[in-house]
Amino acid sequence: MEHNISGVGVIDKAAAVLSAAEMGPAGLAGLVERTGFSRATTHRLATALEVHGYLRRDAEGRFALGTSLFALGEAAARHWPIAEAAGPALADLRDATGESAQLYVRDGELRVCVASLESPHGLRTIVARGASLPLSQGSGGRALAGELNEGGYVVSIGEREAGVASVSAPVCKGDAVLAAVSVSGPIERLTREPGPSFGPPVVAAARQIEAAAGLS
């Protein structure tokens, strides 16, 4: 796998090991294969990251991403200014639709949830703040990529997760897409054609966020 290079060797290598673990749990040999580092170097870095909670061992003894990353991800998401501005709009969207609402920003080929409010229903979509999801799957990722229909939103039916539907719209400054606001929930409530019902409130939430963040 390719590695980003900052010029600080130990940081670059530790980041590469974390990226390798992000691909899925792996034993030492798997991390060596994914990073291209020597066995000794990989073991030293992986065990050090484990001490700090950035890696952990699963039930099979494989290295996996650690729980310390949850706190870091949530803290990073909490300090995005657009996430703070989006709070009232997401609350309005959740209350109007009865479904979970999220705000995503792009991070390379991923999208990161920087704000999330859960539906009051027992059966609901849960996306943790700080969670990273594929940019190529789901309406939130496609909205960030600029893929929209004539109504200004994107619909996803069971695309990222079976049984889940979502509708998303971009939050923009001029022609630049800065974020995507989404509403998501079980297909049985959103239906297989959620656009007419959920598209307009999602687009309205996007405009509300733009105004609150001073983007419009």
C-alpha atoms as a PDB file:
ATOM      1  CA  MET A   1       0.000   0.000   0.000  1.00  0.00           C
ATOM      2  CA  GLU A   2       1.080   3.605  -0.609  1.00  0.00           C
ATOM      3  CA  HIS A   3       1.981   5.782   2.383  1.00  0.00           C
ATOM      4  CA  ASN A   4       1.721   9.534   2.853  1.00  0.00           C
ATOM      5  CA  ILE A   5       5.139  10.977   3.631  1.00  0.00           C
ATOM      6  CA  SER A   6       5.627  13.875   6.052  1.00  0.00           C
ATOM      7  CA  GLY A   7       9.373  13.461   6.468  1.00  0.00           C
ATOM      8  CA  VAL A   8       9.066  12.376  10.119  1.00  0.00           C
ATOM      9  CA  GLY A   9       9.851   8.716   9.710  1.00  0.00           C
ATOM     10  CA  VAL A  10       8.393   7.203  12.857  1.00  0.00           C
ATOM     11  CA  ILE A  11       5.144   9.159  12.479  1.00  0.00           C
ATOM     12  CA  ASP A  12       4.808   8.144   8.845  1.00  0.00           C
ATOM     13  CA  LYS A  13       5.369   4.499   9.705  1.00  0.00           C
ATOM     14  CA  ALA A  14       2.969   4.522  12.657  1.00  0.00           C
ATOM     15  CA  ALA A  15       0.323   6.133  10.447  1.00  0.00           C
ATOM     16  CA  ALA A  16       0.920   3.442   7.838  1.00  0.00           C
ATOM     17  CA  VAL A  17       0.349   0.726  10.421  1.00  0.00           C
ATOM     18  CA  LEU A  18      -2.915   2.370  11.501  1.00  0.00           C
ATOM     19  CA  SER A  19      -4.002   2.629   7.865  1.00  0.00           C
ATOM     20  CA  ALA A  20      -3.209  -1.055   7.427  1.00  0.00           C
ATOM     21  CA  ALA A  21      -5.368  -1.922  10.449  1.00  0.00           C
ATOM     22  CA  GLU A  22      -8.147   0.276   9.049  1.00  0.00           C
ATOM     23  CA  MET A  23      -8.427  -2.218   6.188  1.00  0.00           C
ATOM     24  CA  GLY A  24      -9.523  -4.831   8.732  1.00  0.00           C
ATOM     25  CA  PRO A  25      -8.103  -6.879  11.612  1.00  0.00           C
ATOM     26  CA  ALA A  26      -4.804  -8.570  10.755  1.00  0.00           C
ATOM     27  CA  GLY A  27      -2.074 -10.568  12.401  1.00  0.00           C
ATOM     28  CA  LEU A  28       1.507  -9.383  12.368  1.00  0.00           C
ATOM     29  CA  ALA A  29       2.156 -11.076   9.037  1.00  0.00           C
ATOM     30  CA  GLY A  30      -0.845  -9.302   7.541  1.00  0.00           C
ATOM     31  CA  LEU A  31       0.361  -5.906   8.729  1.00  0.00           C
ATOM     32  CA  VAL A  32       3.808  -6.648   7.302  1.00  0.00           C
ATOM     33  CA  GLU A  33       2.254  -7.497   3.957  1.00  0.00           C
ATOM     34  CA  ARG A  34       0.066  -4.408   3.903  1.00  0.00           C
ATOM     35  CA  THR A  35       2.767  -1.933   4.969  1.00  0.00           C
ATOM     36  CA  GLY A  36       5.826  -3.463   3.336  1.00  0.00           C
ATOM     37  CA  PHE A  37       7.805  -2.866   6.535  1.00  0.00           C
ATOM     38  CA  SER A  38      10.068  -5.446   8.144  1.00  0.00           C
ATOM     39  CA  ARG A  39       8.569  -7.791  10.693  1.00  0.00           C
ATOM     40  CA  ALA A  40      10.606  -6.244  13.522  1.00  0.00           C
ATOM     41  CA  THR A  41       9.598  -2.675  12.625  1.00  0.00           C
ATOM     42  CA  THR A  42       5.938  -3.603  12.240  1.00  0.00           C
ATOM     43  CA  HIS A  43       5.880  -5.449  15.538  1.00  0.00           C
ATOM     44  CA  ARG A  44       7.552  -2.563  17.387  1.00  0.00           C
ATOM     45  CA  LEU A  45       5.114  -0.001  16.021  1.00  0.00           C
ATOM     46  CA  ALA A  46       2.011  -2.153  16.446  1.00  0.00           C
ATOM     47  CA  THR A  47       2.762  -3.029  20.055  1.00  0.00           C
ATOM     48  CA  ALA A  48       3.535   0.622  20.870  1.00  0.00           C
ATOM     49  CA  LEU A  49       0.237   1.708  19.304  1.00  0.00           C
ATOM     50  CA  GLU A  50      -1.494  -1.010  21.311  1.00  0.00           C
ATOM     51  CA  VAL A  51      -0.050   0.389  24.560  1.00  0.00           C
ATOM     52  CA  HIS A  52      -1.599   3.777  23.742  1.00  0.00           C
ATOM     53  CA  GLY A  53      -4.961   2.273  22.789  1.00  0.00           C
ATOM     54  CA  TYR A  54      -4.738   3.097  19.091  1.00  0.00           C
ATOM     55  CA  LEU A  55      -4.602  -0.618  18.282  1.00  0.00           C
ATOM     56  CA  ARG A  56      -6.037  -3.572  20.182  1.00  0.00           C
ATOM     57  CA  ARG A  57      -6.110  -7.341  19.855  1.00  0.00           C
ATOM     58  CA  ASP A  58      -9.362  -9.012  18.847  1.00  0.00           C
ATOM     59  CA  ALA A  59     -10.557 -12.411  20.057  1.00  0.00           C
ATOM     60  CA  GLU A  60      -8.303 -14.105  17.491  1.00  0.00           C
ATOM     61  CA  GLY A  61      -5.232 -12.141  18.556  1.00  0.00           C
ATOM     62  CA  ARG A  62      -5.223  -9.969  15.448  1.00  0.00           C
ATOM     63  CA  PHE A  63      -4.424  -6.259  15.501  1.00  0.00           C
ATOM     64  CA  ALA A  64      -7.470  -4.008  15.068  1.00  0.00           C
ATOM     65  CA  LEU A  65      -8.167  -0.310  15.517  1.00  0.00           C
ATOM     66  CA  GLY A  66      -8.295   0.615  19.204  1.00  0.00           C
ATOM     67  CA  THR A  67     -10.836   2.396  21.339  1.00  0.00           C
ATOM     68  CA  SER A  68      -8.694   5.521  21.803  1.00  0.00           C
ATOM     69  CA  LEU A  69      -9.500   6.406  18.209  1.00  0.00           C
ATOM     70  CA  PHE A  70     -13.182   6.807  19.096  1.00  0.00           C
ATOM     71  CA  ALA A  71     -12.388   9.668  21.454  1.00  0.00           C
ATOM     72  CA  LEU A  72     -10.031  11.292  18.962  1.00  0.00           C
ATOM     73  CA  GLY A  73     -12.551  11.020  16.154  1.00  0.00           C
ATOM     74  CA  GLU A  74     -15.345  12.453  18.256  1.00  0.00           C
ATOM     75  CA  ALA A  75     -13.150  15.311  19.482  1.00  0.00           C
ATOM     76  CA  ALA A  76     -12.055  16.134  15.936  1.00  0.00           C
ATOM     77  CA  ALA A  77     -15.642  16.091  14.700  1.00  0.00           C
ATOM     78  CA  ARG A  78     -16.792  18.255  17.596  1.00  0.00           C
ATOM     79  CA  HIS A  79     -14.392  21.028  16.659  1.00  0.00           C
ATOM     80  CA  TRP A  80     -15.493  21.437  13.032  1.00  0.00           C
ATOM     81  CA  PRO A  81     -17.115  24.911  12.911  1.00  0.00           C
ATOM     82  CA  ILE A  82     -19.676  23.778  10.336  1.00  0.00           C
ATOM     83  CA  ALA A  83     -20.735  20.979  12.689  1.00  0.00           C
ATOM     84  CA  GLU A  84     -21.556  23.498  15.405  1.00  0.00           C
ATOM     85  CA  ALA A  85     -23.519  25.636  12.944  1.00  0.00           C
ATOM     86  CA  ALA A  86     -25.428  22.576  11.753  1.00  0.00           C
ATOM     87  CA  GLY A  87     -26.838  21.667  15.164  1.00  0.00           C
ATOM     88  CA  PRO A  88     -30.211  23.477  14.956  1.00  0.00           C
ATOM     89  CA  ALA A  89     -30.791  22.382  11.347  1.00  0.00           C
ATOM     90  CA  LEU A  90     -30.087  18.739  12.162  1.00  0.00           C
ATOM     91  CA  ALA A  91     -32.436  18.909  15.148  1.00  0.00           C
ATOM     92  CA  ASP A  92     -35.173  20.407  12.958  1.00  0.00           C
ATOM     93  CA  LEU A  93     -34.566  17.730  10.316  1.00  0.00           C
ATOM     94  CA  ARG A  94     -34.734  14.893  12.837  1.00  0.00           C
ATOM     95  CA  ASP A  95     -37.883  16.283  14.413  1.00  0.00           C
ATOM     96  CA  ALA A  96     -39.587  16.906  11.050  1.00  0.00           C
ATOM     97  CA  THR A  97     -38.813  13.464   9.629  1.00  0.00           C
ATOM     98  CA  GLY A  98     -38.601  11.346  12.758  1.00  0.00           C
ATOM     99  CA  GLU A  99     -35.385   9.825  11.401  1.00  0.00           C
ATOM    100  CA  SER A 100     -31.683  10.067  12.239  1.00  0.00           C
ATOM    101  CA  ALA A 101     -29.816  13.048  10.773  1.00  0.00           C
ATOM    102  CA  GLN A 102     -26.097  13.368  10.038  1.00  0.00           C
ATOM    103  CA  LEU A 103     -23.567  15.813   8.637  1.00  0.00           C
ATOM    104  CA  TYR A 104     -20.568  14.508   6.693  1.00  0.00           C
ATOM    105  CA  VAL A 105     -17.383  16.094   5.375  1.00  0.00           C
ATOM    106  CA  ARG A 106     -14.966  14.615   2.883  1.00  0.00           C
ATOM    107  CA  ASP A 107     -11.584  13.212   3.882  1.00  0.00           C
ATOM    108  CA  GLY A 108      -9.858  11.898   0.763  1.00  0.00           C
ATOM    109  CA  GLU A 109     -11.788   8.832  -0.385  1.00  0.00           C
ATOM    110  CA  LEU A 110     -13.746   8.715   2.868  1.00  0.00           C
ATOM    111  CA  ARG A 111     -16.532  10.722   4.441  1.00  0.00           C
ATOM    112  CA  VAL A 112     -16.446  11.523   8.129  1.00  0.00           C
ATOM    113  CA  CYS A 113     -19.516  12.092  10.264  1.00  0.00           C
ATOM    114  CA  VAL A 114     -18.985  15.369  12.135  1.00  0.00           C
ATOM    115  CA  ALA A 115     -22.474  15.671  13.626  1.00  0.00           C
ATOM    116  CA  SER A 116     -25.172  13.097  14.303  1.00  0.00           C
ATOM    117  CA  LEU A 117     -28.597  13.065  15.938  1.00  0.00           C
ATOM    118  CA  GLU A 118     -30.485   9.801  16.395  1.00  0.00           C
ATOM    119  CA  SER A 119     -34.117   9.088  15.636  1.00  0.00           C
ATOM    120  CA  PRO A 120     -36.400   8.547  18.657  1.00  0.00           C
ATOM    121  CA  HIS A 121     -37.563   5.233  17.149  1.00  0.00           C
ATOM    122  CA  GLY A 122     -36.260   2.012  18.667  1.00  0.00           C
ATOM    123  CA  LEU A 123     -35.305   0.783  15.177  1.00  0.00           C
ATOM    124  CA  ARG A 124     -33.070   3.518  13.820  1.00  0.00           C
ATOM    125  CA  THR A 125     -29.846   4.272  11.990  1.00  0.00           C
ATOM    126  CA  ILE A 126     -26.893   4.980  14.270  1.00  0.00           C
ATOM    127  CA  VAL A 127     -23.806   6.690  12.852  1.00  0.00           C
ATOM    128  CA  ALA A 128     -21.333   7.715  15.525  1.00  0.00           C
ATOM    129  CA  ARG A 129     -19.777  11.158  15.356  1.00  0.00           C
ATOM    130  CA  GLY A 130     -16.239  10.678  14.067  1.00  0.00           C
ATOM    131  CA  ALA A 131     -17.123   7.550  12.053  1.00  0.00           C
ATOM    132  CA  SER A 132     -15.418   7.170   8.663  1.00  0.00           C
ATOM    133  CA  LEU A 133     -17.446   5.674   5.815  1.00  0.00           C
ATOM    134  CA  PRO A 134     -16.692   5.033   2.131  1.00  0.00           C
ATOM    135  CA  LEU A 135     -17.190   8.029  -0.123  1.00  0.00           C
ATOM    136  CA  SER A 136     -18.351   5.735  -2.913  1.00  0.00           C
ATOM    137  CA  GLN A 137     -21.260   4.186  -1.014  1.00  0.00           C
ATOM    138  CA  GLY A 138     -24.396   5.828   0.290  1.00  0.00           C
ATOM    139  CA  SER A 139     -26.178   9.056  -0.514  1.00  0.00           C
ATOM    140  CA  GLY A 140     -23.942  11.133   1.788  1.00  0.00           C
ATOM    141  CA  GLY A 141     -20.809  10.177  -0.110  1.00  0.00           C
ATOM    142  CA  ARG A 142     -22.396  10.734  -3.486  1.00  0.00           C
ATOM    143  CA  ALA A 143     -23.718  14.129  -2.409  1.00  0.00           C
ATOM    144  CA  LEU A 144     -20.187  15.115  -1.373  1.00  0.00           C
ATOM    145  CA  ALA A 145     -19.005  13.992  -4.808  1.00  0.00           C
ATOM    146  CA  GLY A 146     -21.538  16.312  -6.470  1.00  0.00           C
ATOM    147  CA  GLU A 147     -23.959  13.644  -7.711  1.00  0.00           C
ATOM    148  CA  LEU A 148     -27.443  15.168  -7.483  1.00  0.00           C
ATOM    149  CA  ASN A 149     -30.838  14.770  -9.114  1.00  0.00           C
ATOM    150  CA  GLU A 150     -33.020  17.608 -10.325  1.00  0.00           C
ATOM    151  CA  GLY A 151     -34.379  18.101  -6.830  1.00  0.00           C
ATOM    152  CA  GLY A 152     -30.891  18.822  -5.487  1.00  0.00           C
ATOM    153  CA  TYR A 153     -30.552  15.632  -3.422  1.00  0.00           C
ATOM    154  CA  VAL A 154     -29.348  12.025  -3.655  1.00  0.00           C
ATOM    155  CA  VAL A 155     -31.205   8.845  -2.676  1.00  0.00           C
ATOM    156  CA  SER A 156     -29.656   5.577  -1.514  1.00  0.00           C
ATOM    157  CA  ILE A 157     -31.548   2.317  -0.963  1.00  0.00           C
ATOM    158  CA  GLY A 158     -29.621  -0.453   0.774  1.00  0.00           C
ATOM    159  CA  GLU A 159     -26.420   0.745  -0.860  1.00  0.00           C
ATOM    160  CA  ARG A 160     -24.064   0.883   2.112  1.00  0.00           C
ATOM    161  CA  GLU A 161     -26.037  -1.239   4.527  1.00  0.00           C
ATOM    162  CA  ALA A 162     -28.854  -3.676   3.787  1.00  0.00           C
ATOM    163  CA  GLY A 163     -32.242  -2.490   4.967  1.00  0.00           C
ATOM    164  CA  VAL A 164     -31.223   1.168   5.267  1.00  0.00           C
ATOM    165  CA  ALA A 165     -32.329   4.058   3.071  1.00  0.00           C
ATOM    166  CA  SER A 166     -30.975   7.593   3.095  1.00  0.00           C
ATOM    167  CA  VAL A 167     -31.430  10.945   1.400  1.00  0.00           C
ATOM    168  CA  SER A 168     -28.656  13.552   1.308  1.00  0.00           C
ATOM    169  CA  ALA A 169     -28.021  17.046  -0.006  1.00  0.00           C
ATOM    170  CA  PRO A 170     -24.815  19.071  -0.301  1.00  0.00           C
ATOM    171  CA  VAL A 171     -23.902  22.031   1.874  1.00  0.00           C
ATOM    172  CA  CYS A 172     -22.103  24.467  -0.418  1.00  0.00           C
ATOM    173  CA  LYS A 173     -20.231  27.729  -0.565  1.00  0.00           C
ATOM    174  CA  GLY A 174     -20.659  28.888  -4.121  1.00  0.00           C
ATOM    175  CA  ASP A 175     -19.802  25.926  -6.317  1.00  0.00           C
ATOM    176  CA  ALA A 176     -17.719  24.192  -3.639  1.00  0.00           C
ATOM    177  CA  VAL A 177     -19.305  21.315  -1.722  1.00  0.00           C
ATOM    178  CA  LEU A 178     -18.202  21.585   1.917  1.00  0.00           C
ATOM    179  CA  ALA A 179     -20.427  18.980   3.554  1.00  0.00           C
ATOM    180  CA  ALA A 180     -23.453  16.772   3.063  1.00  0.00           C
ATOM    181  CA  VAL A 181     -26.516  16.607   5.289  1.00  0.00           C
ATOM    182  CA  SER A 182     -28.349  13.288   5.440  1.00  0.00           C
ATOM    183  CA  VAL A 183     -31.408  11.656   6.878  1.00  0.00           C
ATOM    184  CA  SER A 184     -31.380   7.878   7.192  1.00  0.00           C
ATOM    185  CA  GLY A 185     -33.482   5.062   8.564  1.00  0.00           C
ATOM    186  CA  PRO A 186     -34.966   1.653   7.829  1.00  0.00           C
ATOM    187  CA  ILE A 187     -36.387   1.133   4.356  1.00  0.00           C
ATOM    188  CA  GLU A 188     -39.704   0.040   5.857  1.00  0.00           C
ATOM    189  CA  ARG A 189     -40.259   3.623   7.089  1.00  0.00           C
ATOM    190  CA  LEU A 190     -38.459   5.654   4.422  1.00  0.00           C
ATOM    191  CA  THR A 191     -39.769   3.312   1.666  1.00  0.00           C
ATOM    192  CA  ARG A 192     -37.926   2.500  -1.550  1.00  0.00           C
ATOM    193  CA  GLU A 193     -38.850   5.898  -2.956  1.00  0.00           C
ATOM    194  CA  PRO A 194     -37.994   8.314  -0.136  1.00  0.00           C
ATOM    195  CA  GLY A 195     -37.112  11.254  -2.371  1.00  0.00           C
ATOM    196  CA  PRO A 196     -40.504  12.991  -2.615  1.00  0.00           C
ATOM    197  CA  SER A 197     -41.063  12.897   1.155  1.00  0.00           C
ATOM    198  CA  PHE A 198     -37.549  13.350   2.494  1.00  0.00           C
ATOM    199  CA  GLY A 199     -35.738  15.231  -0.285  1.00  0.00           C
ATOM    200  CA  PRO A 200     -37.301  18.663   0.331  1.00  0.00           C
ATOM    201  CA  PRO A 201     -36.645  18.754   4.113  1.00  0.00           C
ATOM    202  CA  VAL A 202     -33.063  17.551   3.573  1.00  0.00           C
ATOM    203  CA  VAL A 203     -32.442  20.272   0.977  1.00  0.00           C
ATOM    204  CA  ALA A 204     -34.029  22.830   3.322  1.00  0.00           C
ATOM    205  CA  ALA A 205     -31.690  21.683   6.105  1.00  0.00           C
ATOM    206  CA  ALA A 206     -28.701  22.149   3.795  1.00  0.00           C
ATOM    207  CA  ARG A 207     -29.770  25.734   3.050  1.00  0.00           C
ATOM    208  CA  GLN A 208     -30.333  26.346   6.774  1.00  0.00           C
ATOM    209  CA  ILE A 209     -26.804  25.153   7.554  1.00  0.00           C
ATOM    210  CA  GLU A 210     -25.342  27.352   4.819  1.00  0.00           C
ATOM    211  CA  ALA A 211     -27.075  30.376   6.309  1.00  0.00           C
ATOM    212  CA  ALA A 212     -26.072  29.524   9.878  1.00  0.00           C
ATOM    213  CA  ALA A 213     -22.441  29.009   8.848  1.00  0.00           C
ATOM    214  CA  GLY A 214     -22.355  32.222   6.806  1.00  0.00           C
ATOM    215  CA  LEU A 215     -21.846  30.358   3.539  1.00  0.00           C
ATOM    216  CA  SER A 216     -24.804  31.709   1.572  1.00  0.00           C
END
